[in-house]
Protein backbone atom coordinates (compact mmCIF):
# COMPACT_ATOMS: atom_id res chain seq x y z
CA MET A 1 126.77 84.18 95.69
CA PHE A 2 128.94 85.92 98.27
CA PHE A 3 126.13 87.18 100.54
CA ASP A 4 122.36 87.66 100.66
CA SER A 5 120.96 89.47 103.70
CA ARG A 6 117.57 87.75 103.25
CA ASP A 7 118.93 84.21 103.06
CA LEU A 8 119.15 82.47 106.44
CA ARG A 9 122.23 80.62 105.21
CA HIS A 10 124.00 84.00 105.05
CA LYS A 11 122.39 86.00 107.86
CA SER A 12 120.48 84.70 110.84
CA PRO A 13 118.02 85.62 112.21
CA PHE A 14 116.15 87.34 109.39
CA GLY A 15 115.56 91.08 109.53
CA ALA A 16 115.30 93.28 112.59
CA VAL A 17 116.44 91.92 115.95
CA PRO A 18 115.94 92.81 119.63
CA ALA A 19 119.02 94.39 121.18
CA GLY A 20 121.36 91.76 122.56
CA THR A 21 120.51 89.19 119.88
CA PRO A 22 123.64 87.63 118.31
CA VAL A 23 123.46 87.99 114.52
CA SER A 24 125.37 85.37 112.54
CA PHE A 25 126.87 86.13 109.14
CA ARG A 26 128.22 83.53 106.73
CA LEU A 27 129.90 84.61 103.50
CA THR A 28 130.70 82.28 100.63
CA PRO A 29 133.03 83.79 98.02
CA PRO A 30 133.88 81.53 95.07
CA ARG A 31 137.16 79.65 95.58
CA ALA A 32 138.32 81.05 92.25
CA TRP A 33 138.51 84.48 93.88
CA GLN A 34 141.17 83.12 96.28
CA VAL A 35 139.86 85.23 99.16
CA GLY A 36 142.15 85.17 102.21
CA ALA A 37 140.25 87.33 104.72
CA VAL A 38 136.77 88.81 105.23
CA ARG A 39 135.76 91.63 107.58
CA LEU A 40 132.37 92.95 108.69
CA HIS A 41 132.30 96.77 108.94
CA VAL A 42 129.65 98.15 111.32
CA ILE A 43 128.39 101.74 111.55
CA ASP A 44 126.53 102.42 114.80
CA GLU A 45 124.78 105.63 113.80
CA PHE A 46 123.07 106.47 117.10
CA GLY A 47 126.15 105.44 119.08
CA GLY A 48 128.42 107.54 116.87
CA ARG A 49 131.00 104.83 116.28
CA LYS A 50 132.37 102.42 113.69
CA PHE A 51 134.03 99.07 114.29
CA VAL A 52 135.17 95.95 112.45
CA VAL A 53 134.47 92.28 113.16
CA GLU A 54 136.91 89.73 111.69
CA ALA A 55 135.33 86.72 110.01
CA GLU A 56 136.95 83.32 110.35
CA ARG A 57 137.35 80.73 107.65
CA ASP A 58 135.17 77.78 108.59
CA GLY A 59 135.14 75.39 105.67
CA ILE A 60 134.21 74.89 102.04
CA GLU A 61 130.76 74.83 100.43
CA ALA A 62 130.78 73.28 96.96
CA ASP A 63 133.07 75.57 94.94
CA CYS A 64 133.05 78.35 97.56
CA ASP A 65 135.09 79.17 100.63
CA ALA A 66 133.09 79.97 103.76
CA PHE A 67 133.76 82.71 106.30
CA SER A 68 131.66 83.30 109.43
CA CYS A 69 131.34 85.92 112.15
CA VAL A 70 128.86 86.97 114.81
CA LEU A 71 127.75 90.52 115.60
CA ASP A 72 126.87 91.08 119.25
CA THR A 73 124.05 93.65 119.20
CA LYS A 74 124.22 94.36 122.92
CA GLY A 75 124.55 98.13 123.30
CA LEU A 76 123.30 98.82 119.77
CA LEU A 77 120.01 100.53 118.90
CA GLY A 78 118.47 101.91 115.75
CA PRO A 79 119.32 101.35 112.12
CA VAL A 80 122.80 99.83 112.21
CA TRP A 81 124.63 99.88 108.88
CA TYR A 82 127.09 97.27 107.68
CA TYR A 83 129.08 96.06 104.70
CA PHE A 84 131.98 93.66 104.05
CA SER A 85 135.53 93.94 102.80
CA TYR A 86 137.74 91.11 101.63
CA GLU A 87 141.42 90.56 100.92
CA MET A 88 142.99 88.14 98.52
CA GLY A 89 145.49 85.51 99.64
CA GLY A 90 148.76 86.93 100.90
CA GLY A 91 147.07 90.17 101.99
CA GLN A 92 146.66 91.45 98.47
CA PRO A 93 143.92 94.10 97.99
CA GLY A 94 140.52 92.69 97.30
CA GLY A 95 137.28 94.66 97.36
CA PHE A 96 133.99 95.29 99.12
CA ILE A 97 130.54 93.71 99.24
CA GLY A 98 127.36 95.72 99.74
CA PRO A 99 123.78 95.75 98.46
CA ALA A 100 123.01 96.73 94.90
CA SER A 101 122.88 100.46 94.26
CA GLY A 102 119.71 102.03 95.59
CA LEU A 103 118.91 99.07 97.85
CA SER A 104 119.69 98.28 101.50
CA GLY A 105 119.28 94.52 101.47
CA GLY A 106 119.32 91.41 99.32
CA VAL A 107 122.07 89.89 97.16
CA GLY A 108 125.48 91.47 97.53
CA THR A 109 127.35 93.30 94.79
CA ARG A 110 131.11 93.69 94.44
CA TYR A 111 132.60 97.19 94.72
CA GLU A 112 136.14 98.50 94.38
CA SER A 113 135.64 101.21 97.02
CA GLU A 114 133.48 101.55 100.13
CA PRO A 115 130.04 100.32 99.09
CA PRO A 116 126.45 101.19 100.07
CA SER A 117 125.53 99.68 103.42
CA TYR A 118 123.05 97.03 104.45
CA GLN A 119 120.56 97.98 107.15
CA LEU A 120 120.07 96.02 110.34
CA THR A 121 117.37 97.37 112.65
CA VAL A 122 118.12 96.77 116.33
CA TYR A 123 115.28 97.56 118.72
CA LYS A 124 114.18 97.20 122.33
CA GLN A 125 111.64 94.43 122.81
CA SER A 126 108.16 95.93 123.15
CA SER A 127 104.75 94.30 122.97
CA VAL A 128 102.44 95.23 120.09
CA PRO A 129 98.81 94.06 120.33
CA ASP A 130 98.00 91.72 117.45
CA TRP A 131 94.28 92.49 117.08
CA TYR A 132 94.81 95.42 114.75
CA GLY A 133 96.95 93.74 112.11
CA ARG A 134 94.82 90.61 112.03
CA GLY A 135 91.59 92.41 111.20
CA ILE A 136 90.14 94.65 108.48
CA THR A 137 90.08 98.43 108.92
CA TYR A 138 87.47 100.77 107.42
CA HIS A 139 88.55 104.40 107.02
CA ILE A 140 85.66 106.85 107.43
CA PHE A 141 85.81 110.53 106.50
CA PRO A 142 83.04 111.47 108.95
CA ASP A 143 81.26 114.24 107.02
CA ARG A 144 80.79 112.02 103.95
CA PHE A 145 79.88 108.50 105.14
CA CYS A 146 76.25 108.64 106.30
CA ARG A 147 73.92 111.26 107.80
CA SER A 148 70.88 110.51 109.90
CA VAL A 149 69.42 114.01 109.41
CA ILE A 150 70.22 117.15 107.43
CA PRO A 151 71.84 119.34 110.11
CA ASN A 152 71.30 122.98 110.92
CA PRO A 153 74.74 124.64 111.15
CA ALA A 154 73.53 127.70 113.05
CA GLY A 155 75.85 128.60 115.92
CA MET A 156 78.60 126.19 114.88
CA VAL A 157 82.16 127.38 114.40
CA GLY A 158 83.22 128.20 110.86
CA SER A 159 80.33 129.83 108.92
CA ARG A 160 79.21 126.48 107.56
CA ARG A 161 77.06 125.70 104.56
CA VAL A 162 75.25 122.36 104.29
CA HIS A 163 74.54 120.54 101.01
CA ARG A 164 70.97 119.33 101.05
CA ARG A 165 71.67 116.89 98.19
CA TRP A 166 73.92 114.07 99.37
CA GLY A 167 75.17 113.49 95.82
CA ASP A 168 76.47 117.06 95.27
CA CYS A 169 80.08 117.66 94.30
CA PRO A 170 82.10 119.19 97.17
CA ASP A 171 83.08 122.84 96.73
CA TYR A 172 86.43 123.19 95.00
CA LEU A 173 86.70 126.80 93.77
CA PRO A 174 88.29 129.59 95.86
CA ASP A 175 85.98 132.09 97.52
CA SER A 176 85.95 135.83 96.78
CA GLY A 177 89.06 136.18 98.92
CA GLY A 178 90.95 133.57 96.91
CA GLU A 179 90.79 130.90 99.63
CA ILE A 180 89.41 127.37 99.68
CA LYS A 181 88.14 127.17 103.24
CA ASN A 182 86.39 123.77 103.13
CA ARG A 183 83.30 125.15 104.86
CA ASP A 184 80.77 123.15 102.83
CA PHE A 185 79.39 120.20 104.80
CA PHE A 186 77.25 117.21 103.89
CA GLY A 187 76.30 116.36 107.46
CA GLY A 188 77.58 112.85 107.93
CA ASN A 189 77.33 112.04 111.64
CA LEU A 190 77.94 109.43 114.33
CA LEU A 191 74.32 108.29 114.40
CA GLY A 192 74.64 107.65 110.67
CA VAL A 193 77.63 105.42 111.35
CA ILE A 194 75.67 103.56 114.03
CA GLU A 195 72.91 102.97 111.44
CA LYS A 196 75.50 101.37 109.13
CA LEU A 197 77.30 99.17 111.66
CA ASP A 198 75.49 96.09 110.35
CA TYR A 199 76.78 96.95 106.87
CA LEU A 200 80.33 97.23 108.20
CA ASP A 201 79.93 94.01 110.16
CA LYS A 202 78.79 92.12 107.05
CA LEU A 203 81.75 93.58 105.18
CA GLY A 204 84.03 91.93 107.75
CA VAL A 205 85.31 95.14 109.34
CA LYS A 206 87.11 94.80 112.68
CA THR A 207 88.34 98.39 113.14
CA ILE A 208 86.79 101.74 112.20
CA TYR A 209 89.43 104.41 111.67
CA PHE A 210 87.87 107.87 111.76
CA SER A 211 89.43 110.97 110.26
CA PRO A 212 89.05 113.67 112.95
CA VAL A 213 85.74 113.84 114.82
CA PHE A 214 86.60 116.77 117.11
CA GLU A 215 85.09 120.24 116.80
CA ALA A 216 86.65 122.17 113.92
CA ALA A 217 85.76 124.92 111.46
CA SER A 218 86.40 122.89 108.29
CA ASN A 219 84.71 119.82 106.84
CA HIS A 220 87.94 117.79 107.05
CA ARG A 221 88.42 118.75 110.73
CA TYR A 222 92.23 118.63 110.61
CA ASP A 223 92.10 122.18 112.03
CA THR A 224 91.04 121.17 115.54
CA ALA A 225 89.02 123.76 117.45
CA ASP A 226 88.45 121.77 120.64
CA TYR A 227 90.10 118.42 121.38
CA MET A 228 87.69 117.80 124.23
CA SER A 229 84.47 117.99 122.20
CA VAL A 230 82.86 116.03 119.38
CA ASP A 231 81.99 118.37 116.51
CA PRO A 232 78.32 119.24 117.09
CA MET A 233 77.44 118.43 113.50
CA LEU A 234 78.68 114.89 114.13
CA GLY A 235 76.76 114.53 117.37
CA THR A 236 77.53 114.41 121.05
CA GLU A 237 79.92 112.73 123.43
CA GLY A 238 77.07 110.39 124.26
CA ASP A 239 76.72 109.50 120.58
CA PHE A 240 80.41 108.64 120.47
CA THR A 241 80.13 106.41 123.52
CA ALA A 242 77.05 104.72 122.06
CA LEU A 243 78.89 104.15 118.78
CA CYS A 244 81.87 102.54 120.51
CA LYS A 245 79.55 100.33 122.58
CA ALA A 246 77.45 99.24 119.58
CA ALA A 247 80.59 98.59 117.54
CA ALA A 248 82.16 96.53 120.34
CA GLU A 249 79.05 94.34 120.46
CA ARG A 250 79.88 93.41 116.85
CA GLY A 251 83.57 92.88 117.56
CA ILE A 252 84.54 96.21 115.97
CA ARG A 253 87.00 98.64 117.55
CA VAL A 254 87.36 102.40 116.99
CA LEU A 255 90.58 104.23 116.14
CA LEU A 256 90.65 108.05 116.40
CA ASP A 257 92.70 110.58 114.43
CA GLY A 258 94.84 112.84 116.61
CA VAL A 259 96.08 116.09 115.07
CA PHE A 260 98.61 117.25 117.64
CA ASN A 261 101.16 119.17 115.55
CA HIS A 262 98.84 122.12 114.94
CA THR A 263 95.42 123.46 115.87
CA GLY A 264 92.90 125.54 113.97
CA PHE A 265 93.15 129.32 113.63
CA ASP A 266 89.52 129.25 114.71
CA SER A 267 89.94 127.32 117.95
CA VAL A 268 89.64 127.56 121.70
CA TYR A 269 93.44 127.70 121.85
CA PHE A 270 94.34 130.25 119.16
CA ASN A 271 90.92 131.93 118.76
CA GLY A 272 91.97 133.90 115.70
CA ARG A 273 88.44 135.07 114.93
CA GLY A 274 87.28 135.57 118.50
CA THR A 275 84.71 132.80 118.21
CA TYR A 276 85.26 131.48 121.73
CA PRO A 277 84.74 133.44 124.96
CA GLU A 278 88.08 132.38 126.44
CA LEU A 279 91.18 134.38 125.49
CA GLY A 280 93.22 132.61 122.83
CA ALA A 281 96.90 133.06 121.98
CA TYR A 282 96.07 135.28 119.01
CA GLN A 283 94.10 137.68 121.23
CA SER A 284 96.32 138.06 124.24
CA LYS A 285 99.78 137.25 125.49
CA GLU A 286 98.07 136.59 128.81
CA SER A 287 96.20 133.62 127.34
CA LYS A 288 97.05 130.36 129.08
CA TYR A 289 97.64 128.94 125.60
CA PHE A 290 100.08 131.66 124.47
CA ASP A 291 103.22 129.59 125.09
CA TRP A 292 101.81 126.70 123.05
CA PHE A 293 102.53 128.65 119.86
CA ASP A 294 105.64 130.14 118.24
CA PHE A 295 105.11 133.82 117.46
CA GLN A 296 107.83 135.66 115.57
CA GLU A 297 105.85 138.91 115.74
CA TRP A 298 102.65 138.66 117.79
CA PRO A 299 99.92 138.32 116.70
CA GLU A 300 100.29 138.16 112.91
CA ARG A 301 103.55 136.28 112.39
CA TYR A 302 103.64 132.74 113.77
CA SER A 303 104.78 129.27 112.75
CA SER A 304 102.12 127.28 110.93
CA TRP A 305 101.91 123.89 109.30
CA TRP A 306 103.56 124.21 105.87
CA GLY A 307 102.89 127.94 106.00
CA VAL A 308 99.09 127.57 106.05
CA TYR A 309 97.92 130.41 108.29
CA THR A 310 94.75 128.58 109.36
CA LEU A 311 96.89 125.83 110.98
CA PRO A 312 99.06 127.49 113.68
CA GLN A 313 101.78 125.11 114.78
CA ILE A 314 102.13 123.81 118.32
CA ASN A 315 105.26 123.48 120.43
CA GLU A 316 104.69 119.86 121.45
CA ASN A 317 107.39 120.04 124.14
CA ASN A 318 105.54 122.73 126.07
CA PRO A 319 104.82 121.25 129.53
CA ASP A 320 101.28 122.68 129.67
CA TYR A 321 100.49 121.24 126.26
CA LEU A 322 101.91 117.86 127.25
CA ASP A 323 99.73 117.88 130.36
CA TYR A 324 96.67 118.79 128.32
CA ILE A 325 97.17 116.18 125.60
CA ILE A 326 98.91 113.33 127.45
CA ARG A 327 100.06 113.62 131.05
CA SER A 328 97.19 114.76 133.21
CA ASP A 329 94.54 112.37 134.46
CA LYS A 330 91.98 114.27 132.37
CA SER A 331 94.12 114.55 129.23
CA VAL A 332 92.78 114.33 125.70
CA ILE A 333 94.38 110.93 125.10
CA ARG A 334 92.98 109.43 128.27
CA LYS A 335 89.50 110.90 127.95
CA TRP A 336 88.68 109.38 124.58
CA ILE A 337 90.18 105.99 125.43
CA ARG A 338 87.98 105.92 128.53
CA LEU A 339 84.96 106.81 126.38
CA GLY A 340 85.52 103.78 124.17
CA ALA A 341 88.29 104.35 121.63
CA SER A 342 90.90 101.59 121.22
CA GLY A 343 93.73 103.78 120.00
CA TRP A 344 94.96 106.67 117.91
CA ARG A 345 96.29 107.37 114.45
CA LEU A 346 98.74 110.29 114.68
CA ASP A 347 98.50 112.87 111.92
CA VAL A 348 101.85 114.05 110.47
CA ALA A 349 103.86 111.85 112.84
CA ASP A 350 107.01 113.10 111.07
CA GLU A 351 106.44 116.46 112.73
CA LEU A 352 105.89 115.17 116.27
CA PRO A 353 108.96 114.76 118.52
CA ASP A 354 109.98 111.17 119.26
CA SER A 355 109.60 111.87 122.98
CA PHE A 356 106.03 113.10 122.45
CA ILE A 357 105.09 109.92 120.58
CA GLU A 358 106.70 107.73 123.24
CA GLU A 359 104.83 109.48 126.07
CA LEU A 360 101.57 109.33 124.16
CA ARG A 361 101.87 105.60 123.56
CA ALA A 362 102.68 105.01 127.22
CA ALA A 363 99.54 106.92 128.23
CA VAL A 364 97.43 104.89 125.81
CA ARG A 365 98.79 101.65 127.29
CA GLU A 366 98.10 102.87 130.83
CA GLU A 367 94.46 103.37 129.89
CA LEU A 368 94.09 100.29 127.68
CA ALA A 369 96.56 97.42 127.81
CA ASP A 370 96.06 96.60 124.13
CA GLY A 371 95.55 100.16 122.86
CA MET A 372 97.15 100.95 119.49
CA VAL A 373 99.11 103.93 118.15
CA ILE A 374 99.50 104.19 114.36
CA GLY A 375 101.54 106.96 112.72
CA GLU A 376 101.12 108.78 109.44
CA VAL A 377 104.45 108.07 107.75
CA TRP A 378 104.65 107.93 103.96
CA GLU A 379 108.06 106.26 103.60
CA ASP A 380 110.10 103.47 105.19
CA ALA A 381 109.55 104.27 108.87
CA SER A 382 112.64 102.37 110.05
CA ASN A 383 115.14 104.81 108.54
CA LYS A 384 113.02 107.94 108.09
CA ILE A 385 114.79 111.30 108.37
CA SER A 386 112.64 114.37 108.96
CA TYR A 387 113.99 117.86 109.54
CA GLY A 388 117.51 116.43 109.53
CA VAL A 389 116.83 113.94 112.34
CA ARG A 390 116.75 110.15 112.08
CA ARG A 391 113.42 109.12 113.59
CA ARG A 392 112.89 106.41 116.21
CA TYR A 393 109.51 105.01 115.30
CA PHE A 394 110.07 101.28 115.83
CA LEU A 395 112.87 101.05 118.37
CA GLY A 396 110.62 100.05 121.27
CA GLY A 397 107.89 102.07 122.96
CA GLU A 398 107.04 104.41 120.07
CA LEU A 399 104.63 103.60 117.25
CA ASP A 400 102.92 100.23 116.95
CA GLY A 401 102.47 100.61 113.20
CA VAL A 402 102.33 103.16 110.39
CA MET A 403 100.27 103.87 107.31
CA ASN A 404 101.88 101.67 104.67
CA TYR A 405 102.04 104.02 101.69
CA PRO A 406 104.95 102.02 100.20
CA PHE A 407 102.51 99.10 99.88
CA ARG A 408 100.04 101.32 98.04
CA ASP A 409 102.74 102.52 95.66
CA ALA A 410 104.03 99.00 95.00
CA ALA A 411 100.56 97.50 94.45
CA ILE A 412 99.52 100.26 92.06
CA SER A 413 102.81 100.00 90.16
CA PHE A 414 102.33 96.26 89.78
CA VAL A 415 98.75 96.31 88.51
CA LEU A 416 99.60 99.16 86.10
CA GLY A 417 102.37 97.15 84.45
CA GLY A 418 105.26 96.72 86.87
CA SER A 419 106.87 93.38 87.53
CA SER A 420 106.09 91.03 90.39
CA ALA A 421 109.82 91.02 91.25
CA GLN A 422 109.74 94.79 91.77
CA PHE A 423 106.73 94.47 94.08
CA ALA A 424 108.42 91.72 96.08
CA GLU A 425 111.68 93.67 96.39
CA ARG A 426 109.95 96.77 97.75
CA MET A 427 107.92 94.80 100.27
CA GLU A 428 110.78 92.55 101.35
CA ALA A 429 112.88 95.63 102.06
CA LEU A 430 110.27 96.78 104.56
CA ARG A 431 109.91 93.31 106.06
CA GLU A 432 113.66 93.15 106.51
CA HIS A 433 113.79 96.58 108.17
CA TYR A 434 110.75 96.43 110.47
CA PRO A 435 110.39 94.40 113.66
CA ARG A 436 107.97 91.59 112.83
CA GLU A 437 105.26 92.79 115.22
CA ASN A 438 105.32 96.25 113.63
CA TYR A 439 105.31 94.86 110.09
CA TYR A 440 102.19 92.89 110.94
CA SER A 441 100.52 96.02 112.37
CA LEU A 442 100.79 98.19 109.26
CA MET A 443 97.78 100.04 107.87
CA ASN A 444 97.76 98.77 104.28
CA SER A 445 95.52 100.73 101.94
CA LEU A 446 94.99 101.57 98.27
CA GLY A 447 93.52 104.98 98.97
CA THR A 448 93.00 107.53 101.75
CA HIS A 449 91.51 111.00 102.17
CA ASP A 450 94.90 112.31 100.94
CA THR A 451 95.02 110.38 97.64
CA PRO A 452 92.84 110.21 94.52
CA ARG A 453 90.25 107.43 94.46
CA ILE A 454 91.85 104.14 93.55
CA LEU A 455 89.39 103.44 90.71
CA THR A 456 90.36 106.74 89.08
CA VAL A 457 94.06 106.00 89.56
CA LEU A 458 93.66 102.61 87.86
CA GLY A 459 91.41 103.80 85.03
CA ALA A 460 92.19 107.38 84.07
CA SER A 461 94.48 108.08 81.11
CA PRO A 462 97.71 110.04 81.76
CA GLY A 463 96.30 113.13 80.04
CA ASP A 464 93.19 113.11 82.21
CA TRP A 465 95.23 114.28 85.21
CA ASN A 466 96.00 117.55 83.42
CA MET A 467 92.35 118.60 83.26
CA THR A 468 91.20 121.73 85.05
CA LYS A 469 89.54 121.35 88.44
CA THR A 470 86.22 122.20 86.87
CA MET A 471 86.61 119.39 84.36
CA LYS A 472 87.68 117.00 87.11
CA SER A 473 84.62 117.90 89.14
CA ILE A 474 82.33 116.47 86.44
CA SER A 475 84.62 113.88 84.88
CA VAL A 476 83.93 110.15 85.23
CA LEU A 477 85.68 107.19 83.68
CA THR A 478 84.39 106.02 80.33
CA PRO A 479 82.68 102.60 80.40
CA GLU A 480 85.81 101.06 78.90
CA GLN A 481 88.09 102.79 81.40
CA ARG A 482 85.88 101.74 84.27
CA ARG A 483 85.77 98.08 83.22
CA LEU A 484 89.56 98.04 83.11
CA ALA A 485 89.84 99.91 86.43
CA VAL A 486 87.47 97.47 88.17
CA SER A 487 89.46 94.50 86.84
CA ARG A 488 92.69 96.03 88.11
CA LEU A 489 91.16 97.00 91.46
CA LYS A 490 89.96 93.46 92.08
CA VAL A 491 93.57 92.29 91.70
CA ALA A 492 95.00 95.08 93.89
CA ALA A 493 92.38 94.58 96.61
CA ALA A 494 93.03 90.84 96.64
CA ILE A 495 96.75 91.49 97.16
CA MET A 496 95.92 93.84 100.04
CA PHE A 497 93.60 91.37 101.78
CA ALA A 498 96.22 88.62 101.49
CA PHE A 499 99.10 90.73 102.79
CA PRO A 500 100.56 91.00 106.32
CA GLY A 501 99.06 93.96 108.15
CA SER A 502 95.54 95.38 108.29
CA PRO A 503 93.78 95.65 104.91
CA THR A 504 92.29 99.14 105.06
CA VAL A 505 89.33 100.19 102.92
CA TYR A 506 88.76 103.90 102.34
CA TYR A 507 84.99 104.36 102.59
CA GLY A 508 83.31 103.98 99.21
CA ASP A 509 86.22 102.29 97.42
CA GLU A 510 84.38 99.00 97.85
CA ALA A 511 81.27 100.64 96.34
CA GLY A 512 83.02 101.98 93.24
CA LEU A 513 83.42 105.68 94.06
CA GLU A 514 85.57 107.62 91.61
CA GLY A 515 87.35 110.93 92.06
CA TYR A 516 90.54 112.82 91.39
CA GLU A 517 92.46 114.60 94.14
CA ASP A 518 90.92 116.46 97.12
CA PRO A 519 88.06 117.31 97.32
CA PHE A 520 86.83 114.96 94.58
CA ASN A 521 88.07 111.94 96.54
CA ARG A 522 85.76 112.94 99.42
CA ARG A 523 82.31 112.62 97.90
CA GLY A 524 79.49 111.07 99.90
CA TYR A 525 79.17 107.30 100.06
CA PRO A 526 76.83 106.26 97.22
CA TRP A 527 74.10 104.61 99.28
CA GLY A 528 71.71 102.80 96.93
CA ARG A 529 74.07 103.25 93.98
CA GLU A 530 76.86 100.87 94.97
CA ASP A 531 78.80 98.84 92.44
CA LYS A 532 77.43 95.44 93.45
CA GLU A 533 80.20 93.53 91.68
CA LEU A 534 82.93 95.32 93.64
CA LEU A 535 81.00 95.17 96.88
CA GLY A 536 80.59 91.43 96.54
CA TRP A 537 84.28 91.05 95.74
CA TYR A 538 85.39 92.97 98.83
CA ALA A 539 82.99 90.99 101.02
CA ALA A 540 84.35 87.69 99.63
CA LEU A 541 87.96 88.75 100.24
CA ALA A 542 87.10 89.86 103.78
CA ARG A 543 85.34 86.58 104.56
CA ILE A 544 88.36 84.53 103.53
CA ARG A 545 90.73 86.85 105.39
CA ASN A 546 88.70 86.62 108.61
CA GLU A 547 88.52 82.83 108.40
CA SER A 548 92.19 82.23 107.60
CA GLU A 549 94.84 82.16 110.31
CA ALA A 550 97.49 82.06 107.58
CA LEU A 551 96.27 85.32 106.02
CA GLN A 552 95.95 87.03 109.39
CA SER A 553 99.29 86.13 110.92
CA GLY A 554 101.22 83.69 108.74
CA ASP A 555 104.72 84.09 107.35
CA ILE A 556 105.03 85.27 103.75
CA LEU A 557 107.12 83.46 101.14
CA TYR A 558 107.44 84.77 97.57
CA ILE A 559 107.57 82.32 94.67
CA PRO A 560 109.33 83.65 91.53
CA THR A 561 107.12 83.69 88.42
CA GLU A 562 106.63 85.69 85.24
CA HIS A 563 106.52 89.48 85.51
CA GLU A 564 102.73 89.56 85.13
CA ILE A 565 102.14 87.02 87.90
CA LEU A 566 102.62 87.73 91.58
CA CYS A 567 102.77 84.63 93.72
CA PHE A 568 103.33 84.18 97.43
CA LYS A 569 102.36 81.82 100.22
CA ARG A 570 101.10 82.73 103.67
CA VAL A 571 102.04 79.99 106.10
CA SER A 572 100.99 79.53 109.72
CA GLU A 573 101.03 76.52 111.98
CA GLY A 574 98.56 74.08 110.46
CA GLU A 575 97.54 76.20 107.47
CA GLU A 576 99.00 77.34 104.17
CA MET A 577 97.40 79.71 101.66
CA LEU A 578 98.71 80.08 98.12
CA CYS A 579 97.99 83.55 96.66
CA LEU A 580 98.24 84.11 92.90
CA PHE A 581 97.52 87.32 90.98
CA ASN A 582 97.50 87.94 87.22
CA ARG A 583 97.70 91.66 86.50
CA GLY A 584 97.65 91.14 82.71
CA GLY A 585 94.89 91.10 80.14
CA GLU A 586 95.72 87.59 78.93
CA ALA A 587 95.27 84.20 80.57
CA ARG A 588 98.46 82.74 82.06
CA GLU A 589 99.38 79.19 82.98
CA VAL A 590 101.37 78.73 86.17
CA ASN A 591 103.02 75.44 87.10
CA LEU A 592 103.79 75.17 90.79
CA GLN A 593 105.44 72.44 92.77
CA SER A 594 102.97 71.06 95.29
CA ALA A 595 102.73 67.97 97.44
CA PHE A 596 98.94 68.14 97.68
CA PRO A 597 95.91 69.27 95.64
CA LEU A 598 94.63 72.84 96.08
CA ARG A 599 91.14 74.14 96.72
CA ASP A 600 90.04 77.49 95.21
CA MET A 601 88.72 79.52 98.16
CA LEU A 602 87.13 82.23 95.99
CA ALA A 603 85.53 80.47 93.03
CA GLY A 604 85.30 76.94 94.35
CA GLY A 605 86.71 73.88 92.63
CA SER A 606 90.13 72.34 93.04
CA TYR A 607 93.44 71.73 91.29
CA GLY A 608 95.01 68.30 91.22
CA VAL A 609 98.68 67.39 91.39
CA ARG A 610 100.55 65.28 88.84
CA ASP A 611 104.21 64.38 89.29
CA GLY A 612 104.48 66.93 92.07
CA VAL A 613 103.24 69.79 89.88
CA CYS A 614 99.98 71.73 90.17
CA ARG A 615 98.97 73.33 86.85
CA ILE A 616 96.87 76.46 87.22
CA THR A 617 95.42 78.68 84.51
CA LEU A 618 94.73 82.20 85.68
CA PRO A 619 92.25 84.18 83.57
CA PRO A 620 92.93 87.83 82.65
CA TYR A 621 93.12 89.83 85.88
CA GLY A 622 92.61 86.56 87.71
CA VAL A 623 93.06 85.95 91.43
CA LEU A 624 93.48 82.66 93.28
CA TYR A 625 93.48 82.03 97.01
CA ALA A 626 94.15 78.31 97.32
CA ALA A 627 94.30 76.18 100.45
CA ARG A 628 95.16 72.52 100.82
CA ALA A 629 92.36 70.33 99.49
CA ALA A 630 91.31 66.94 100.70
CA GLU A 631 92.79 64.10 98.64
CA SER A 632 89.32 63.22 97.38
CA GLU A 633 88.59 66.68 95.91
């Protein structure tokens, strides 16, 4: 093996490094190749330069020559790209070494011409609070979690209609004008959440992440009407403060959703329907908000989020807007932190300028030393390009973490038939690219308000997704499909709770809610109709997670096994947890080297060791969390 970027014998330290950290490379080409020289080629993207570091021959390892060099990362920042070239003895042409095609790390591959590059993330040291990644997050879509009363929508923005029956299907057909305006409400509110805090506490939740709670015309509230006010259907500012206080008494924090790339057409700022007494940008060029928006032809032609006219886009670099959201002493960010929030999740972070995110995070930290900022990013956040610009999410002072959609994709792929090696490769790529503190602050989930319900994903047949919306509105999994989906979900959820980062439960997933895409993934929580088996499973996983230092903060080490079996260890000082997952429908025997017997943390019982081997039989769709057992067990 010439080089492996994830092997400390070849590259040290592992993964991303703070700027100024010397990075050592050691390359070991087989002696039979008769390599005479090795060079490290470095591409400093943000610095706009390329340079070469000569490696020196420093000995022999078995049947390989060894070449070493050190990269000084002082003055570097961002994703730095690198690959190797080599010459044969006597200066004869040799070749190149880079990662396998389509990858940016791992075991090197030989190329005859310039190869793909490895990625090395170099960042400025920045503290990231560890409370978020250690604990369990519960994602609440406010209108659909719990209502204390059936509300009266009279006088509220948006011509709202309220479902009296909590179990109704959300509206999904266009209105007479051909629009789906999302104006049907179920009336979930903050007092309802307060009523259910004991439920969340028993479930092991440490953070509540709310989709938007601010006044808005739609039920999803991503079309903000007033950043300074709680939506009246949800309650009052006092209700929010009371919720944060009651949650804190149970050790639960609150994370708010900030939608700062666009506002609502029906808002204080744009006021497209004249709902508010103050002049909005749509009504007058004299409005104090006029310069927030980009009009091509006032008032009808303006930039909007993905062309949706009800979501007029904001110029986030406008000084008045920056003052309103971030800079002033009475800004939106500061107000809600002072009222009890512990941080923000930023909607469509890809569409917010890097400077805006950096200022926002600084303001959060000024108000709360351990306040968090999580970004909505669907891909690898370390090398993300949006609108032709390489983003700077984890280079120091920007985001603390992101929504880990790559985890969701990898976990679903695995339980639906992918190999454990594929899962490990996708997750190790992220671990290699992200600073450790950011990797351990990821929002790991299997479903969100933007994805179909995880049970439906794991149980529906391929053809089911082609049904009409009307069919989807009434469709449920067959008993056979549901049994299979529950079995698969138990495996996927167990992976999530054992993984670095915050295991995030989308409300109702733990209770067995089904549903295709929006709005069928946003039905009301099924109070009194929960799937008790799933609920018990989630509670058991959460209990073990909250009691295990290894699962909260330990290193992760993958152990190669059969395709159907995923195996890794979480290791912290003084504790080690073995995590095994069988995604197949047949029992599998796994033989693992172990110096001590293992205790099953989920089902009880223990596994002995004979001749240094622990023999474990995993049932179909079986899960094992195993800690070190006492010798007598």
